[in-house]
């Protein structure tokens, strides 16, 4: 005997779908975090925010710094190698601090705090970069200034590229 859908079963299916949609909306709006903008992606909310992978970006940048240091030691020798490494650290450490501070909070409910964190983190980052250059040029005697600036530029551009790729949705 064949099963035929009746109008009653269609109405029941529609009612079930409506209940499920309502439940998802309820979870999205008043979810575990209390905000529709921070609802966990597993709830099926189309507008659920994903956390920025700060640790992963910091790890990629640190690995790049280590590779850059090894290549510089092999190609430029001891002084050039640690000059490039110091320049890379001058960019890496303030950049990682900025990411951790900036992505500390997220969502529309905390927009004022996000903007405040951005300004504070950028000011501290610029101060740390200035202090880093000042300390390196003042305290390190056999130094290659071109290596320091080259390492800084490579790490700074690499940080921008890695961060931009993560912001564009590549969550790997």
N, C-alpha and C. Protein backbone atom coordinates (compact mmCIF):
# COMPACT_ATOMS: atom_id res chain seq x y z
N UNK A 1 0.84 -1.17 0.00
CA UNK A 1 0.00 0.00 0.00
C UNK A 1 0.89 1.24 0.00
N UNK A 2 0.62 2.13 -0.88
CA UNK A 2 1.42 3.33 -1.03
C UNK A 2 1.03 4.37 0.03
N UNK A 3 2.03 5.12 0.41
CA UNK A 3 1.78 6.19 1.39
C UNK A 3 1.52 7.48 0.63
N UNK A 4 0.38 8.07 0.88
CA UNK A 4 0.01 9.34 0.24
C UNK A 4 -0.04 10.42 1.29
N UNK A 5 0.56 11.53 0.97
CA UNK A 5 0.53 12.67 1.91
C UNK A 5 -0.84 13.30 1.85
N UNK A 6 -1.35 13.52 3.00
CA UNK A 6 -2.63 14.21 3.08
C UNK A 6 -2.36 15.64 3.51
N UNK A 7 -3.37 16.44 3.47
CA UNK A 7 -3.21 17.82 3.89
C UNK A 7 -2.88 17.90 5.37
N UNK A 8 -3.35 16.93 6.16
CA UNK A 8 -3.07 16.93 7.59
C UNK A 8 -1.57 16.71 7.84
N UNK A 9 -0.95 15.76 7.09
CA UNK A 9 0.47 15.51 7.31
C UNK A 9 1.30 16.70 6.81
N UNK A 10 0.88 17.36 5.75
CA UNK A 10 1.58 18.53 5.25
C UNK A 10 1.51 19.66 6.27
N UNK A 11 0.34 19.83 6.86
CA UNK A 11 0.20 20.85 7.88
C UNK A 11 1.06 20.53 9.11
N UNK A 12 1.15 19.26 9.46
CA UNK A 12 1.98 18.87 10.60
C UNK A 12 3.46 19.12 10.29
N UNK A 13 3.87 18.79 9.07
CA UNK A 13 5.26 19.06 8.68
C UNK A 13 5.56 20.55 8.73
N UNK A 14 4.66 21.36 8.22
CA UNK A 14 4.85 22.80 8.24
C UNK A 14 4.92 23.32 9.67
N UNK A 15 4.07 22.80 10.52
CA UNK A 15 4.08 23.23 11.92
C UNK A 15 5.40 22.84 12.59
N UNK A 16 5.90 21.64 12.29
CA UNK A 16 7.19 21.21 12.86
C UNK A 16 8.32 22.09 12.37
N UNK A 17 8.33 22.41 11.07
CA UNK A 17 9.37 23.29 10.54
C UNK A 17 9.31 24.66 11.20
N UNK A 18 8.11 25.17 11.41
CA UNK A 18 7.94 26.46 12.05
C UNK A 18 8.47 26.42 13.49
N UNK A 19 8.19 25.31 14.21
CA UNK A 19 8.69 25.17 15.58
C UNK A 19 10.22 25.15 15.61
N UNK A 20 10.80 24.42 14.66
CA UNK A 20 12.26 24.34 14.61
C UNK A 20 12.86 25.71 14.32
N UNK A 21 12.30 26.44 13.35
CA UNK A 21 12.81 27.77 13.03
C UNK A 21 12.70 28.71 14.24
N UNK A 22 11.57 28.63 14.93
CA UNK A 22 11.37 29.46 16.12
C UNK A 22 12.40 29.11 17.19
N UNK A 23 12.65 27.81 17.36
CA UNK A 23 13.62 27.38 18.36
C UNK A 23 15.03 27.88 18.00
N UNK A 24 15.39 27.80 16.72
CA UNK A 24 16.71 28.29 16.29
C UNK A 24 16.81 29.79 16.53
N UNK A 25 15.76 30.52 16.18
CA UNK A 25 15.78 31.97 16.42
C UNK A 25 15.94 32.26 17.90
N UNK A 26 15.23 31.50 18.74
CA UNK A 26 15.32 31.71 20.18
C UNK A 26 16.74 31.44 20.67
N UNK A 27 17.36 30.37 20.18
CA UNK A 27 18.73 30.06 20.58
C UNK A 27 19.67 31.16 20.10
N UNK A 28 19.45 31.64 18.86
CA UNK A 28 20.33 32.67 18.32
C UNK A 28 20.21 33.97 19.09
N UNK A 29 19.01 34.35 19.47
CA UNK A 29 18.80 35.63 20.12
C UNK A 29 19.20 35.57 21.59
N UNK A 30 18.83 34.51 22.27
CA UNK A 30 19.13 34.42 23.70
C UNK A 30 19.94 33.16 23.97
N UNK A 31 20.96 32.96 23.20
CA UNK A 31 21.78 31.76 23.32
C UNK A 31 22.64 31.77 24.56
N UNK A 32 23.59 30.88 24.57
CA UNK A 32 24.44 30.72 25.74
C UNK A 32 25.20 32.00 26.08
N UNK A 33 25.56 32.77 25.05
CA UNK A 33 26.31 34.00 25.31
C UNK A 33 25.39 35.18 25.54
N UNK A 34 24.11 35.02 25.29
CA UNK A 34 23.17 36.10 25.57
C UNK A 34 23.05 37.13 24.46
N UNK A 35 23.57 36.84 23.28
CA UNK A 35 23.51 37.81 22.20
C UNK A 35 23.37 37.10 20.88
N UNK A 36 22.56 37.66 19.99
CA UNK A 36 22.39 37.04 18.69
C UNK A 36 23.68 37.12 17.87
N UNK A 37 24.55 38.06 18.19
CA UNK A 37 25.77 38.24 17.41
C UNK A 37 26.88 37.30 17.85
N UNK A 38 26.78 36.74 19.03
CA UNK A 38 27.79 35.82 19.50
C UNK A 38 27.24 34.40 19.66
N UNK A 39 26.15 34.10 18.98
CA UNK A 39 25.58 32.77 19.06
C UNK A 39 26.58 31.77 18.48
N UNK A 40 26.68 30.60 19.10
CA UNK A 40 27.62 29.62 18.58
C UNK A 40 27.24 29.20 17.17
N UNK A 41 28.21 29.02 16.27
CA UNK A 41 27.90 28.64 14.89
C UNK A 41 27.16 27.31 14.80
N UNK A 42 27.29 26.43 15.80
CA UNK A 42 26.63 25.14 15.76
C UNK A 42 25.11 25.26 15.89
N UNK A 43 24.59 26.43 16.29
CA UNK A 43 23.15 26.59 16.42
C UNK A 43 22.47 26.75 15.08
N UNK A 44 23.23 26.96 14.03
CA UNK A 44 22.64 27.12 12.71
C UNK A 44 22.22 28.54 12.42
N UNK A 45 22.63 29.49 13.24
CA UNK A 45 22.29 30.88 12.99
C UNK A 45 23.05 31.37 11.77
N UNK A 46 22.37 31.93 10.80
CA UNK A 46 23.09 32.42 9.63
C UNK A 46 23.95 33.63 9.95
N UNK A 47 23.69 34.31 11.04
CA UNK A 47 24.44 35.51 11.38
C UNK A 47 25.39 35.28 12.55
N UNK A 48 25.65 34.03 12.90
CA UNK A 48 26.53 33.74 14.03
C UNK A 48 27.96 34.14 13.70
N UNK A 49 28.60 34.81 14.65
CA UNK A 49 29.98 35.24 14.45
C UNK A 49 30.94 34.11 14.81
N UNK A 50 32.04 34.06 14.11
CA UNK A 50 33.09 33.11 14.42
C UNK A 50 34.22 33.88 15.10
N UNK A 51 34.84 33.26 16.06
CA UNK A 51 35.96 33.91 16.74
C UNK A 51 37.16 33.96 15.81
N UNK A 52 37.90 35.05 15.88
CA UNK A 52 39.10 35.20 15.07
C UNK A 52 40.19 34.31 15.64
N UNK A 53 40.88 33.54 14.80
CA UNK A 53 41.90 32.59 15.29
C UNK A 53 43.22 33.28 15.66
N UNK A 54 43.23 34.01 16.75
CA UNK A 54 44.40 34.79 17.16
C UNK A 54 45.59 33.89 17.42
N UNK A 55 45.38 32.78 18.12
CA UNK A 55 46.48 31.88 18.44
C UNK A 55 47.10 31.30 17.17
N UNK A 56 46.26 30.96 16.22
CA UNK A 56 46.76 30.38 14.97
C UNK A 56 47.58 31.40 14.18
N UNK A 57 47.10 32.64 14.12
CA UNK A 57 47.84 33.68 13.40
C UNK A 57 49.18 33.94 14.10
N UNK A 58 49.18 33.99 15.43
CA UNK A 58 50.42 34.18 16.17
C UNK A 58 51.39 33.03 15.94
N UNK A 59 50.86 31.82 15.86
CA UNK A 59 51.71 30.66 15.59
C UNK A 59 52.32 30.73 14.20
N UNK A 60 51.50 31.08 13.19
CA UNK A 60 52.02 31.21 11.82
C UNK A 60 53.11 32.28 11.74
N UNK A 61 52.87 33.40 12.38
CA UNK A 61 53.87 34.46 12.35
C UNK A 61 55.14 34.05 13.07
N UNK A 62 55.02 33.34 14.18
CA UNK A 62 56.20 32.89 14.91
C UNK A 62 57.00 31.87 14.09
N UNK A 63 56.30 30.98 13.41
CA UNK A 63 57.00 30.02 12.56
C UNK A 63 57.70 30.73 11.40
N UNK A 64 57.05 31.72 10.83
CA UNK A 64 57.67 32.48 9.76
C UNK A 64 58.90 33.22 10.27
N UNK A 65 58.81 33.77 11.49
CA UNK A 65 59.97 34.45 12.07
C UNK A 65 61.13 33.48 12.24
N UNK A 66 60.85 32.27 12.71
CA UNK A 66 61.90 31.27 12.89
C UNK A 66 62.53 30.88 11.56
N UNK A 67 61.72 30.69 10.53
CA UNK A 67 62.24 30.36 9.19
C UNK A 67 63.08 31.52 8.65
N UNK A 68 62.58 32.74 8.83
CA UNK A 68 63.31 33.92 8.37
C UNK A 68 64.66 34.02 9.09
N UNK A 69 64.68 33.73 10.37
CA UNK A 69 65.91 33.78 11.15
C UNK A 69 66.91 32.74 10.64
N UNK A 70 66.46 31.52 10.39
CA UNK A 70 67.34 30.46 9.89
C UNK A 70 67.93 30.82 8.52
N UNK A 71 67.09 31.35 7.64
CA UNK A 71 67.56 31.74 6.31
C UNK A 71 68.57 32.89 6.41
N UNK A 72 68.29 33.85 7.27
CA UNK A 72 69.20 35.00 7.43
C UNK A 72 70.53 34.56 8.01
N UNK A 73 70.53 33.65 8.97
CA UNK A 73 71.80 33.14 9.53
C UNK A 73 72.61 32.45 8.44
N UNK A 74 71.93 31.66 7.62
CA UNK A 74 72.64 30.91 6.57
C UNK A 74 73.18 31.85 5.49
N UNK A 75 72.43 32.89 5.15
CA UNK A 75 72.83 33.75 4.03
C UNK A 75 73.69 34.94 4.46
N UNK A 76 73.39 35.54 5.61
CA UNK A 76 74.05 36.78 6.00
C UNK A 76 75.09 36.63 7.10
N UNK A 77 75.16 35.47 7.69
CA UNK A 77 76.10 35.27 8.78
C UNK A 77 75.48 35.59 10.13
N UNK A 78 76.32 35.59 11.16
CA UNK A 78 75.82 35.75 12.54
C UNK A 78 75.23 37.14 12.78
N UNK A 79 75.96 38.19 12.43
CA UNK A 79 75.49 39.56 12.71
C UNK A 79 74.23 39.87 11.89
N UNK A 80 74.26 39.55 10.62
CA UNK A 80 73.08 39.79 9.78
C UNK A 80 71.89 38.97 10.23
N UNK A 81 72.14 37.73 10.66
CA UNK A 81 71.06 36.85 11.11
C UNK A 81 70.35 37.37 12.34
N UNK A 82 71.14 37.74 13.35
CA UNK A 82 70.44 38.23 14.55
C UNK A 82 69.90 39.64 14.35
N UNK A 83 70.44 40.40 13.42
CA UNK A 83 69.86 41.71 13.11
C UNK A 83 68.47 41.54 12.48
N UNK A 84 68.38 40.61 11.54
CA UNK A 84 67.09 40.32 10.92
C UNK A 84 66.11 39.77 11.96
N UNK A 85 66.61 38.90 12.84
CA UNK A 85 65.75 38.33 13.88
C UNK A 85 65.24 39.41 14.83
N UNK A 86 66.10 40.32 15.23
CA UNK A 86 65.66 41.40 16.13
C UNK A 86 64.63 42.31 15.44
N UNK A 87 64.86 42.61 14.16
CA UNK A 87 63.89 43.41 13.42
C UNK A 87 62.54 42.70 13.32
N UNK A 88 62.58 41.38 13.10
CA UNK A 88 61.35 40.61 13.06
C UNK A 88 60.62 40.60 14.40
N UNK A 89 61.38 40.50 15.48
CA UNK A 89 60.77 40.52 16.82
C UNK A 89 60.16 41.88 17.13
N UNK A 90 60.80 42.95 16.62
CA UNK A 90 60.25 44.29 16.86
C UNK A 90 58.87 44.41 16.22
N UNK A 91 58.63 43.70 15.14
CA UNK A 91 57.30 43.71 14.51
C UNK A 91 56.38 42.65 15.11
N UNK A 92 56.92 41.47 15.39
CA UNK A 92 56.10 40.34 15.82
C UNK A 92 55.46 40.55 17.20
N UNK A 93 56.24 40.90 18.17
CA UNK A 93 55.72 40.98 19.54
C UNK A 93 54.63 42.06 19.71
N UNK A 94 54.84 43.30 19.24
CA UNK A 94 53.75 44.27 19.33
C UNK A 94 52.52 43.88 18.50
N UNK A 95 52.75 43.22 17.37
CA UNK A 95 51.62 42.79 16.53
C UNK A 95 50.77 41.73 17.22
N UNK A 96 51.42 40.79 17.88
CA UNK A 96 50.69 39.76 18.62
C UNK A 96 49.94 40.38 19.79
N UNK A 97 50.59 41.31 20.50
CA UNK A 97 49.90 42.01 21.58
C UNK A 97 48.64 42.72 21.05
N UNK A 98 48.77 43.39 19.91
CA UNK A 98 47.65 44.11 19.31
C UNK A 98 46.51 43.14 19.01
N UNK A 99 46.82 42.00 18.42
CA UNK A 99 45.76 41.03 18.09
C UNK A 99 45.04 40.54 19.33
N UNK A 100 45.80 40.18 20.35
CA UNK A 100 45.16 39.69 21.57
C UNK A 100 44.30 40.76 22.22
N UNK A 101 44.76 41.98 22.23
CA UNK A 101 43.99 43.07 22.85
C UNK A 101 42.76 43.43 22.02
N UNK A 102 42.93 43.51 20.69
CA UNK A 102 41.84 43.93 19.81
C UNK A 102 40.73 42.89 19.74
N UNK A 103 41.09 41.62 19.65
CA UNK A 103 40.08 40.57 19.50
C UNK A 103 39.66 39.97 20.83
N UNK A 104 39.88 40.71 21.91
CA UNK A 104 39.49 40.25 23.24
C UNK A 104 37.98 40.14 23.36
N UNK A 105 37.26 41.12 22.84
CA UNK A 105 35.79 41.11 22.84
C UNK A 105 35.30 41.28 21.41
N UNK A 106 34.07 40.83 21.15
CA UNK A 106 33.51 41.00 19.82
C UNK A 106 32.00 41.09 19.93
N UNK A 107 31.39 41.53 18.86
CA UNK A 107 29.95 41.61 18.80
C UNK A 107 29.44 43.03 18.87
N UNK A 108 28.21 43.20 18.45
CA UNK A 108 27.62 44.53 18.41
C UNK A 108 27.33 45.06 19.81
N UNK A 109 27.09 44.16 20.76
CA UNK A 109 26.78 44.62 22.12
C UNK A 109 28.01 45.24 22.79
N UNK A 110 29.20 44.94 22.28
CA UNK A 110 30.42 45.46 22.89
C UNK A 110 31.17 46.38 21.93
N UNK A 111 30.45 47.03 21.04
CA UNK A 111 31.10 47.81 20.00
C UNK A 111 31.95 48.95 20.57
N UNK A 112 31.45 49.61 21.58
CA UNK A 112 32.22 50.71 22.18
C UNK A 112 33.53 50.19 22.78
N UNK A 113 33.46 49.03 23.42
CA UNK A 113 34.66 48.45 24.01
C UNK A 113 35.63 47.96 22.92
N UNK A 114 35.11 47.46 21.80
CA UNK A 114 35.95 47.04 20.69
C UNK A 114 36.73 48.22 20.13
N UNK A 115 36.05 49.34 19.92
CA UNK A 115 36.71 50.53 19.39
C UNK A 115 37.74 51.06 20.38
N UNK A 116 37.39 51.08 21.66
CA UNK A 116 38.33 51.53 22.69
C UNK A 116 39.57 50.63 22.71
N UNK A 117 39.35 49.31 22.66
CA UNK A 117 40.48 48.39 22.63
C UNK A 117 41.35 48.59 21.40
N UNK A 118 40.74 48.91 20.26
CA UNK A 118 41.50 49.13 19.04
C UNK A 118 42.43 50.33 19.20
N UNK A 119 41.92 51.43 19.71
CA UNK A 119 42.75 52.63 19.88
C UNK A 119 43.87 52.40 20.91
N UNK A 120 43.52 51.78 22.02
CA UNK A 120 44.52 51.54 23.06
C UNK A 120 45.58 50.57 22.56
N UNK A 121 45.15 49.49 21.90
CA UNK A 121 46.10 48.49 21.41
C UNK A 121 47.02 49.08 20.35
N UNK A 122 46.47 49.91 19.46
CA UNK A 122 47.31 50.52 18.42
C UNK A 122 48.33 51.49 19.02
N UNK A 123 47.92 52.27 20.01
CA UNK A 123 48.85 53.20 20.66
C UNK A 123 49.96 52.44 21.37
N UNK A 124 49.61 51.39 22.08
CA UNK A 124 50.63 50.60 22.78
C UNK A 124 51.53 49.89 21.78
N UNK A 125 50.95 49.40 20.68
CA UNK A 125 51.75 48.74 19.65
C UNK A 125 52.79 49.70 19.06
N UNK A 126 52.37 50.90 18.72
CA UNK A 126 53.31 51.87 18.17
C UNK A 126 54.40 52.23 19.18
N UNK A 127 54.01 52.37 20.46
CA UNK A 127 54.99 52.64 21.51
C UNK A 127 55.99 51.51 21.66
N UNK A 128 55.51 50.26 21.61
CA UNK A 128 56.41 49.12 21.71
C UNK A 128 57.36 49.02 20.53
N UNK A 129 56.86 49.35 19.34
CA UNK A 129 57.73 49.35 18.15
C UNK A 129 58.83 50.40 18.30
N UNK A 130 58.45 51.59 18.73
CA UNK A 130 59.45 52.64 18.95
C UNK A 130 60.46 52.25 20.00
N UNK A 131 60.00 51.69 21.12
CA UNK A 131 60.91 51.25 22.17
C UNK A 131 61.81 50.12 21.68
N UNK A 132 61.27 49.25 20.87
CA UNK A 132 62.06 48.14 20.33
C UNK A 132 63.20 48.64 19.46
N UNK A 133 62.89 49.55 18.54
CA UNK A 133 63.95 50.11 17.69
C UNK A 133 64.98 50.86 18.53
N UNK A 134 64.50 51.63 19.49
CA UNK A 134 65.42 52.39 20.33
C UNK A 134 66.33 51.45 21.12
N UNK A 135 65.78 50.41 21.70
CA UNK A 135 66.58 49.48 22.49
C UNK A 135 67.58 48.73 21.63
N UNK A 136 67.15 48.28 20.44
CA UNK A 136 68.06 47.53 19.57
C UNK A 136 69.22 48.40 19.12
N UNK A 137 68.93 49.62 18.66
CA UNK A 137 70.01 50.47 18.17
C UNK A 137 70.90 51.01 19.29
N UNK A 138 70.38 51.07 20.49
CA UNK A 138 71.15 51.57 21.62
C UNK A 138 71.98 50.47 22.29
N UNK A 139 71.42 49.25 22.41
CA UNK A 139 72.06 48.21 23.21
C UNK A 139 72.86 47.18 22.41
N UNK A 140 72.54 46.98 21.16
CA UNK A 140 73.21 45.94 20.38
C UNK A 140 74.31 46.61 19.55
N UNK A 141 75.58 46.25 19.82
CA UNK A 141 76.68 46.96 19.17
C UNK A 141 77.02 46.45 17.77
N UNK A 142 77.42 45.19 17.55
CA UNK A 142 77.63 44.84 16.14
C UNK A 142 76.27 44.56 15.50
N UNK A 143 75.80 45.48 14.69
CA UNK A 143 74.43 45.41 14.17
C UNK A 143 74.41 45.81 12.71
N UNK A 144 73.51 45.20 11.98
CA UNK A 144 73.28 45.58 10.58
C UNK A 144 71.94 46.31 10.51
N UNK A 145 71.95 47.64 10.38
CA UNK A 145 70.69 48.38 10.33
C UNK A 145 69.78 47.95 9.18
N UNK A 146 70.36 47.61 8.05
CA UNK A 146 69.55 47.13 6.92
C UNK A 146 68.86 45.82 7.27
N UNK A 147 69.55 44.95 8.02
CA UNK A 147 68.95 43.69 8.45
C UNK A 147 67.80 43.92 9.42
N UNK A 148 67.97 44.87 10.33
CA UNK A 148 66.91 45.17 11.30
C UNK A 148 65.67 45.67 10.58
N UNK A 149 65.84 46.65 9.69
CA UNK A 149 64.69 47.19 8.97
C UNK A 149 64.10 46.17 8.00
N UNK A 150 64.96 45.36 7.38
CA UNK A 150 64.46 44.32 6.47
C UNK A 150 63.63 43.28 7.20
N UNK A 151 64.14 42.82 8.35
CA UNK A 151 63.38 41.86 9.16
C UNK A 151 62.06 42.43 9.65
N UNK A 152 62.09 43.70 10.03
CA UNK A 152 60.86 44.37 10.47
C UNK A 152 59.84 44.41 9.35
N UNK A 153 60.28 44.83 8.16
CA UNK A 153 59.35 44.95 7.03
C UNK A 153 58.79 43.60 6.61
N UNK A 154 59.64 42.58 6.55
CA UNK A 154 59.16 41.25 6.15
C UNK A 154 58.12 40.74 7.14
N UNK A 155 58.39 40.86 8.43
CA UNK A 155 57.43 40.36 9.42
C UNK A 155 56.16 41.20 9.45
N UNK A 156 56.29 42.50 9.23
CA UNK A 156 55.11 43.35 9.23
C UNK A 156 54.19 43.01 8.06
N UNK A 157 54.76 42.87 6.87
CA UNK A 157 53.95 42.51 5.70
C UNK A 157 53.38 41.10 5.85
N UNK A 158 54.17 40.18 6.37
CA UNK A 158 53.68 38.81 6.58
C UNK A 158 52.53 38.80 7.58
N UNK A 159 52.63 39.60 8.63
CA UNK A 159 51.53 39.69 9.59
C UNK A 159 50.25 40.22 8.96
N UNK A 160 50.40 41.22 8.10
CA UNK A 160 49.22 41.76 7.40
C UNK A 160 48.60 40.72 6.48
N UNK A 161 49.44 39.98 5.76
CA UNK A 161 48.93 38.97 4.82
C UNK A 161 48.23 37.83 5.56
N UNK A 162 48.84 37.33 6.63
CA UNK A 162 48.24 36.23 7.39
C UNK A 162 46.92 36.68 8.02
N UNK A 163 46.91 37.86 8.60
CA UNK A 163 45.68 38.36 9.23
C UNK A 163 44.59 38.58 8.19
N UNK A 164 44.94 39.15 7.04
CA UNK A 164 43.94 39.37 5.99
C UNK A 164 43.39 38.06 5.47
N UNK A 165 44.23 37.06 5.33
CA UNK A 165 43.73 35.77 4.84
C UNK A 165 42.78 35.14 5.85
N UNK A 166 43.04 35.30 7.14
CA UNK A 166 42.14 34.75 8.15
C UNK A 166 40.83 35.55 8.24
N UNK A 167 40.90 36.85 8.01
CA UNK A 167 39.69 37.66 8.05
C UNK A 167 38.80 37.41 6.84
N UNK A 168 39.37 36.96 5.73
CA UNK A 168 38.59 36.70 4.52
C UNK A 168 37.88 35.37 4.54
N UNK A 169 37.87 34.71 5.68
CA UNK A 169 37.09 33.49 5.81
C UNK A 169 37.85 32.20 5.65
N UNK A 170 39.13 32.24 5.43
CA UNK A 170 39.91 31.03 5.34
C UNK A 170 40.21 30.57 6.75
N UNK A 171 39.41 29.68 7.29
CA UNK A 171 39.48 29.28 8.71
C UNK A 171 40.37 28.06 8.92
N UNK A 172 41.27 27.77 8.01
CA UNK A 172 42.12 26.58 8.17
C UNK A 172 43.27 26.87 9.08
